[in-house]
Amino acid sequence: MKVHCPVCKKEENWENNPFRPFCSDRCKLIDLGEWAMGKRSIPGDHDPTAEEDSARAPKPSKPEGSEE
């Protein structure tokens, strides 16, 4: 079966493709970077509790011997 890569639109075999649904590791990493930078997201309702949870998250501890 042939499918189109969601990043570059190149037609690629689905079977025996270790990068599917992408055509290559490069396209897979481009897609991951877009998600990480917020260029892609899953639509949904805004969840105000998510912001509250992150505000209450414990702050990372300082390594021993560090001063401020």
PDB file of N, CA and C in Angstrom:
ATOM      1  N   MET A   1       0.848  -1.166   0.000  1.00  0.00           N
ATOM      2  CA  MET A   1       0.000   0.000   0.000  1.00  0.00           C
ATOM      3  C   MET A   1       0.899   1.235   0.000  1.00  0.00           C
ATOM      4  N   LYS A   2       0.547   2.239  -0.770  1.00  0.00           N
ATOM      5  CA  LYS A   2       1.281   3.493  -0.855  1.00  0.00           C
ATOM      6  C   LYS A   2       0.536   4.559  -0.055  1.00  0.00           C
ATOM      7  N   VAL A   3       1.282   5.356   0.700  1.00  0.00           N
ATOM      8  CA  VAL A   3       0.714   6.476   1.463  1.00  0.00           C
ATOM      9  C   VAL A   3       1.604   7.697   1.245  1.00  0.00           C
ATOM     10  N   HIS A   4       1.069   8.865   1.558  1.00  0.00           N
ATOM     11  CA  HIS A   4       1.837  10.104   1.437  1.00  0.00           C
ATOM     12  C   HIS A   4       2.351  10.525   2.810  1.00  0.00           C
ATOM     13  N   CYS A   5       3.623  10.907   2.847  1.00  0.00           N
ATOM     14  CA  CYS A   5       4.237  11.396   4.079  1.00  0.00           C
ATOM     15  C   CYS A   5       3.503  12.674   4.505  1.00  0.00           C
ATOM     16  N   PRO A   6       3.099  12.781   5.783  1.00  0.00           N
ATOM     17  CA  PRO A   6       2.362  13.964   6.225  1.00  0.00           C
ATOM     18  C   PRO A   6       3.208  15.243   6.228  1.00  0.00           C
ATOM     19  N   VAL A   7       4.528  15.126   6.135  1.00  0.00           N
ATOM     20  CA  VAL A   7       5.392  16.315   6.157  1.00  0.00           C
ATOM     21  C   VAL A   7       5.731  16.772   4.742  1.00  0.00           C
ATOM     22  N   CYS A   8       6.343  15.890   3.949  1.00  0.00           N
ATOM     23  CA  CYS A   8       6.813  16.301   2.617  1.00  0.00           C
ATOM     24  C   CYS A   8       5.905  15.844   1.473  1.00  0.00           C
ATOM     25  N   LYS A   9       4.912  15.028   1.788  1.00  0.00           N
ATOM     26  CA  LYS A   9       3.917  14.531   0.825  1.00  0.00           C
ATOM     27  C   LYS A   9       4.481  13.524  -0.177  1.00  0.00           C
ATOM     28  N   LYS A  10       5.708  13.049   0.053  1.00  0.00           N
ATOM     29  CA  LYS A  10       6.300  12.035  -0.812  1.00  0.00           C
ATOM     30  C   LYS A  10       5.524  10.734  -0.670  1.00  0.00           C
ATOM     31  N   GLU A  11       5.294  10.061  -1.805  1.00  0.00           N
ATOM     32  CA  GLU A  11       4.603   8.774  -1.766  1.00  0.00           C
ATOM     33  C   GLU A  11       5.586   7.698  -1.319  1.00  0.00           C
ATOM     34  N   GLU A  12       5.159   6.894  -0.351  1.00  0.00           N
ATOM     35  CA  GLU A  12       6.044   5.909   0.261  1.00  0.00           C
ATOM     36  C   GLU A  12       5.267   4.624   0.538  1.00  0.00           C
ATOM     37  N   ASN A  13       5.963   3.496   0.572  1.00  0.00           N
ATOM     38  CA  ASN A  13       5.337   2.226   0.927  1.00  0.00           C
ATOM     39  C   ASN A  13       5.007   2.215   2.416  1.00  0.00           C
ATOM     40  N   TRP A  14       3.841   1.720   2.774  1.00  0.00           N
ATOM     41  CA  TRP A  14       3.463   1.584   4.185  1.00  0.00           C
ATOM     42  C   TRP A  14       4.140   0.362   4.793  1.00  0.00           C
ATOM     43  N   GLU A  15       4.141  -0.735   4.051  1.00  0.00           N
ATOM     44  CA  GLU A  15       4.720  -1.972   4.544  1.00  0.00           C
ATOM     45  C   GLU A  15       6.238  -1.840   4.644  1.00  0.00           C
ATOM     46  N   ASN A  16       6.800  -2.419   5.692  1.00  0.00           N
ATOM     47  CA  ASN A  16       8.251  -2.451   5.899  1.00  0.00           C
ATOM     48  C   ASN A  16       8.887  -1.069   5.944  1.00  0.00           C
ATOM     49  N   ASN A  17       8.144  -0.071   6.346  1.00  0.00           N
ATOM     50  CA  ASN A  17       8.685   1.282   6.478  1.00  0.00           C
ATOM     51  C   ASN A  17       8.873   1.568   7.966  1.00  0.00           C
ATOM     52  N   PRO A  18      10.116   1.624   8.448  1.00  0.00           N
ATOM     53  CA  PRO A  18      10.341   1.827   9.887  1.00  0.00           C
ATOM     54  C   PRO A  18       9.956   3.218  10.382  1.00  0.00           C
ATOM     55  N   PHE A  19       9.705   4.169   9.467  1.00  0.00           N
ATOM     56  CA  PHE A  19       9.393   5.539   9.864  1.00  0.00           C
ATOM     57  C   PHE A  19       7.917   5.887   9.712  1.00  0.00           C
ATOM     58  N   ARG A  20       7.098   4.924   9.321  1.00  0.00           N
ATOM     59  CA  ARG A  20       5.709   5.252   9.014  1.00  0.00           C
ATOM     60  C   ARG A  20       5.010   5.945  10.165  1.00  0.00           C
ATOM     61  N   PRO A  21       4.181   6.888   9.910  1.00  0.00           N
ATOM     62  CA  PRO A  21       3.624   7.275   8.613  1.00  0.00           C
ATOM     63  C   PRO A  21       4.524   8.216   7.816  1.00  0.00           C
ATOM     64  N   PHE A  22       5.746   8.465   8.292  1.00  0.00           N
ATOM     65  CA  PHE A  22       6.656   9.367   7.593  1.00  0.00           C
ATOM     66  C   PHE A  22       7.513   8.589   6.607  1.00  0.00           C
ATOM     67  N   CYS A  23       8.179   9.319   5.702  1.00  0.00           N
ATOM     68  CA  CYS A  23       9.014   8.649   4.712  1.00  0.00           C
ATOM     69  C   CYS A  23      10.442   8.468   5.211  1.00  0.00           C
ATOM     70  N   SER A  24      10.840   9.243   6.230  1.00  0.00           N
ATOM     71  CA  SER A  24      12.227   9.182   6.689  1.00  0.00           C
ATOM     72  C   SER A  24      12.328   9.664   8.129  1.00  0.00           C
ATOM     73  N   ASP A  25      13.494   9.447   8.717  1.00  0.00           N
ATOM     74  CA  ASP A  25      13.758   9.939  10.057  1.00  0.00           C
ATOM     75  C   ASP A  25      13.714  11.469  10.075  1.00  0.00           C
ATOM     76  N   ARG A  26      14.185  12.092   9.004  1.00  0.00           N
ATOM     77  CA  ARG A  26      14.169  13.554   8.895  1.00  0.00           C
ATOM     78  C   ARG A  26      12.753  14.099   9.027  1.00  0.00           C
ATOM     79  N   CYS A  27      11.801  13.556   8.272  1.00  0.00           N
ATOM     80  CA  CYS A  27      10.419  14.030   8.338  1.00  0.00           C
ATOM     81  C   CYS A  27       9.809  13.752   9.714  1.00  0.00           C
ATOM     82  N   LYS A  28      10.170  12.627  10.307  1.00  0.00           N
ATOM     83  CA  LYS A  28       9.678  12.296  11.645  1.00  0.00           C
ATOM     84  C   LYS A  28      10.144  13.348  12.652  1.00  0.00           C
ATOM     85  N   LEU A  29      11.416  13.757  12.567  1.00  0.00           N
ATOM     86  CA  LEU A  29      11.955  14.758  13.483  1.00  0.00           C
ATOM     87  C   LEU A  29      11.396  16.155  13.218  1.00  0.00           C
ATOM     88  N   ILE A  30      11.131  16.479  11.970  1.00  0.00           N
ATOM     89  CA  ILE A  30      10.499  17.766  11.646  1.00  0.00           C
ATOM     90  C   ILE A  30       9.127  17.833  12.310  1.00  0.00           C
ATOM     91  N   ASP A  31       8.355  16.758  12.201  1.00  0.00           N
ATOM     92  CA  ASP A  31       7.030  16.715  12.816  1.00  0.00           C
ATOM     93  C   ASP A  31       7.124  16.839  14.340  1.00  0.00           C
ATOM     94  N   LEU A  32       8.071  16.121  14.957  1.00  0.00           N
ATOM     95  CA  LEU A  32       8.253  16.193  16.401  1.00  0.00           C
ATOM     96  C   LEU A  32       8.596  17.620  16.830  1.00  0.00           C
ATOM     97  N   GLY A  33       9.462  18.281  16.077  1.00  0.00           N
ATOM     98  CA  GLY A  33       9.830  19.662  16.382  1.00  0.00           C
ATOM     99  C   GLY A  33       8.651  20.604  16.302  1.00  0.00           C
ATOM    100  N   GLU A  34       7.762  20.384  15.339  1.00  0.00           N
ATOM    101  CA  GLU A  34       6.564  21.228  15.222  1.00  0.00           C
ATOM    102  C   GLU A  34       5.665  21.061  16.435  1.00  0.00           C
ATOM    103  N   TRP A  35       5.520  19.845  16.931  1.00  0.00           N
ATOM    104  CA  TRP A  35       4.724  19.619  18.141  1.00  0.00           C
ATOM    105  C   TRP A  35       5.384  20.297  19.333  1.00  0.00           C
ATOM    106  N   ALA A  36       6.710  20.160  19.447  1.00  0.00           N
ATOM    107  CA  ALA A  36       7.431  20.718  20.593  1.00  0.00           C
ATOM    108  C   ALA A  36       7.367  22.246  20.610  1.00  0.00           C
ATOM    109  N   MET A  37       7.360  22.875  19.445  1.00  0.00           N
ATOM    110  CA  MET A  37       7.316  24.338  19.374  1.00  0.00           C
ATOM    111  C   MET A  37       5.893  24.888  19.435  1.00  0.00           C
ATOM    112  N   GLY A  38       4.898  23.996  19.506  1.00  0.00           N
ATOM    113  CA  GLY A  38       3.512  24.437  19.605  1.00  0.00           C
ATOM    114  C   GLY A  38       2.871  24.771  18.274  1.00  0.00           C
ATOM    115  N   LYS A  39       3.518  24.421  17.166  1.00  0.00           N
ATOM    116  CA  LYS A  39       2.933  24.678  15.849  1.00  0.00           C
ATOM    117  C   LYS A  39       1.809  23.694  15.538  1.00  0.00           C
ATOM    118  N   ARG A  40       1.805  22.574  16.221  1.00  0.00           N
ATOM    119  CA  ARG A  40       0.749  21.561  16.065  1.00  0.00           C
ATOM    120  C   ARG A  40       0.128  21.321  17.431  1.00  0.00           C
ATOM    121  N   SER A  41      -1.155  21.050  17.424  1.00  0.00           N
ATOM    122  CA  SER A  41      -1.841  20.731  18.676  1.00  0.00           C
ATOM    123  C   SER A  41      -3.116  19.967  18.356  1.00  0.00           C
ATOM    124  N   ILE A  42      -3.657  19.349  19.371  1.00  0.00           N
ATOM    125  CA  ILE A  42      -4.927  18.643  19.232  1.00  0.00           C
ATOM    126  C   ILE A  42      -6.005  19.590  19.724  1.00  0.00           C
ATOM    127  N   PRO A  43      -6.992  19.916  18.875  1.00  0.00           N
ATOM    128  CA  PRO A  43      -8.030  20.866  19.285  1.00  0.00           C
ATOM    129  C   PRO A  43      -8.851  20.326  20.455  1.00  0.00           C
ATOM    130  N   GLY A  44      -9.260  21.230  21.298  1.00  0.00           N
ATOM    131  CA  GLY A  44     -10.075  20.848  22.437  1.00  0.00           C
ATOM    132  C   GLY A  44     -10.395  22.060  23.284  1.00  0.00           C
ATOM    133  N   ASP A  45     -11.190  21.849  24.297  1.00  0.00           N
ATOM    134  CA  ASP A  45     -11.546  22.933  25.200  1.00  0.00           C
ATOM    135  C   ASP A  45     -10.360  23.280  26.082  1.00  0.00           C
ATOM    136  N   HIS A  46     -10.262  24.550  26.435  1.00  0.00           N
ATOM    137  CA  HIS A  46      -9.207  25.021  27.334  1.00  0.00           C
ATOM    138  C   HIS A  46      -9.459  24.455  28.726  1.00  0.00           C
ATOM    139  N   ASP A  47      -8.421  23.928  29.362  1.00  0.00           N
ATOM    140  CA  ASP A  47      -8.528  23.345  30.686  1.00  0.00           C
ATOM    141  C   ASP A  47      -7.791  24.235  31.683  1.00  0.00           C
ATOM    142  N   PRO A  48      -8.513  25.108  32.401  1.00  0.00           N
ATOM    143  CA  PRO A  48      -7.843  26.026  33.323  1.00  0.00           C
ATOM    144  C   PRO A  48      -7.149  25.312  34.477  1.00  0.00           C
ATOM    145  N   THR A  49      -7.554  24.095  34.813  1.00  0.00           N
ATOM    146  CA  THR A  49      -6.901  23.381  35.919  1.00  0.00           C
ATOM    147  C   THR A  49      -5.490  22.965  35.541  1.00  0.00           C
ATOM    148  N   ALA A  50      -5.206  22.815  34.259  1.00  0.00           N
ATOM    149  CA  ALA A  50      -3.855  22.444  33.838  1.00  0.00           C
ATOM    150  C   ALA A  50      -2.876  23.549  34.205  1.00  0.00           C
ATOM    151  N   GLU A  51      -3.268  24.803  34.058  1.00  0.00           N
ATOM    152  CA  GLU A  51      -2.400  25.924  34.430  1.00  0.00           C
ATOM    153  C   GLU A  51      -2.216  25.976  35.939  1.00  0.00           C
ATOM    154  N   GLU A  52      -3.274  25.713  36.675  1.00  0.00           N
ATOM    155  CA  GLU A  52      -3.180  25.723  38.134  1.00  0.00           C
ATOM    156  C   GLU A  52      -2.250  24.621  38.610  1.00  0.00           C
ATOM    157  N   ASP A  53      -2.337  23.447  37.998  1.00  0.00           N
ATOM    158  CA  ASP A  53      -1.482  22.327  38.387  1.00  0.00           C
ATOM    159  C   ASP A  53      -0.014  22.657  38.143  1.00  0.00           C
ATOM    160  N   SER A  54       0.292  23.288  37.014  1.00  0.00           N
ATOM    161  CA  SER A  54       1.691  23.598  36.723  1.00  0.00           C
ATOM    162  C   SER A  54       2.209  24.695  37.649  1.00  0.00           C
ATOM    163  N   ALA A  55       1.340  25.596  38.097  1.00  0.00           N
ATOM    164  CA  ALA A  55       1.763  26.647  39.017  1.00  0.00           C
ATOM    165  C   ALA A  55       2.087  26.064  40.394  1.00  0.00           C
ATOM    166  N   ARG A  56       1.432  24.974  40.748  1.00  0.00           N
ATOM    167  CA  ARG A  56       1.657  24.340  42.049  1.00  0.00           C
ATOM    168  C   ARG A  56       2.740  23.280  42.021  1.00  0.00           C
ATOM    169  N   ALA A  57       3.295  23.005  40.858  1.00  0.00           N
ATOM    170  CA  ALA A  57       4.309  21.961  40.749  1.00  0.00           C
ATOM    171  C   ALA A  57       5.531  22.349  41.566  1.00  0.00           C
ATOM    172  N   PRO A  58       6.147  21.368  42.206  1.00  0.00           N
ATOM    173  CA  PRO A  58       7.328  21.687  43.013  1.00  0.00           C
ATOM    174  C   PRO A  58       8.462  22.202  42.140  1.00  0.00           C
ATOM    175  N   LYS A  59       9.179  23.163  42.659  1.00  0.00           N
ATOM    176  CA  LYS A  59      10.313  23.715  41.937  1.00  0.00           C
ATOM    177  C   LYS A  59      11.490  22.764  42.092  1.00  0.00           C
ATOM    178  N   PRO A  60      12.332  22.651  41.068  1.00  0.00           N
ATOM    179  CA  PRO A  60      13.475  21.739  41.174  1.00  0.00           C
ATOM    180  C   PRO A  60      14.417  22.193  42.275  1.00  0.00           C
ATOM    181  N   SER A  61      14.976  21.205  42.975  1.00  0.00           N
ATOM    182  CA  SER A  61      15.893  21.532  44.065  1.00  0.00           C
ATOM    183  C   SER A  61      17.247  21.911  43.498  1.00  0.00           C
ATOM    184  N   LYS A  62      17.976  22.706  44.250  1.00  0.00           N
ATOM    185  CA  LYS A  62      19.301  23.134  43.832  1.00  0.00           C
ATOM    186  C   LYS A  62      20.308  22.061  44.199  1.00  0.00           C
ATOM    187  N   PRO A  63      21.308  21.878  43.364  1.00  0.00           N
ATOM    188  CA  PRO A  63      22.344  20.886  43.690  1.00  0.00           C
ATOM    189  C   PRO A  63      23.095  21.280  44.948  1.00  0.00           C
ATOM    190  N   GLU A  64      23.608  20.287  45.657  1.00  0.00           N
ATOM    191  CA  GLU A  64      24.338  20.556  46.892  1.00  0.00           C
ATOM    192  C   GLU A  64      25.555  21.417  46.594  1.00  0.00           C
ATOM    193  N   GLY A  65      25.818  22.366  47.490  1.00  0.00           N
ATOM    194  CA  GLY A  65      26.986  23.229  47.347  1.00  0.00           C
ATOM    195  C   GLY A  65      26.740  24.439  46.475  1.00  0.00           C
ATOM    196  N   SER A  66      25.570  24.557  45.846  1.00  0.00           N
ATOM    197  CA  SER A  66      25.308  25.745  45.031  1.00  0.00           C
ATOM    198  C   SER A  66      24.798  26.869  45.924  1.00  0.00           C
ATOM    199  N   GLU A  67      25.186  28.063  45.585  1.00  0.00           N
ATOM    200  CA  GLU A  67      24.758  29.223  46.366  1.00  0.00           C
ATOM    201  C   GLU A  67      24.039  30.197  45.466  1.00  0.00           C
ATOM    202  N   GLU A  68      23.194  31.012  46.057  1.00  0.00           N
ATOM    203  CA  GLU A  68      22.494  32.051  45.307  1.00  0.00           C
ATOM    204  C   GLU A  68      22.611  33.354  45.982  1.00  0.00           C
TER     205      GLU A  68
END
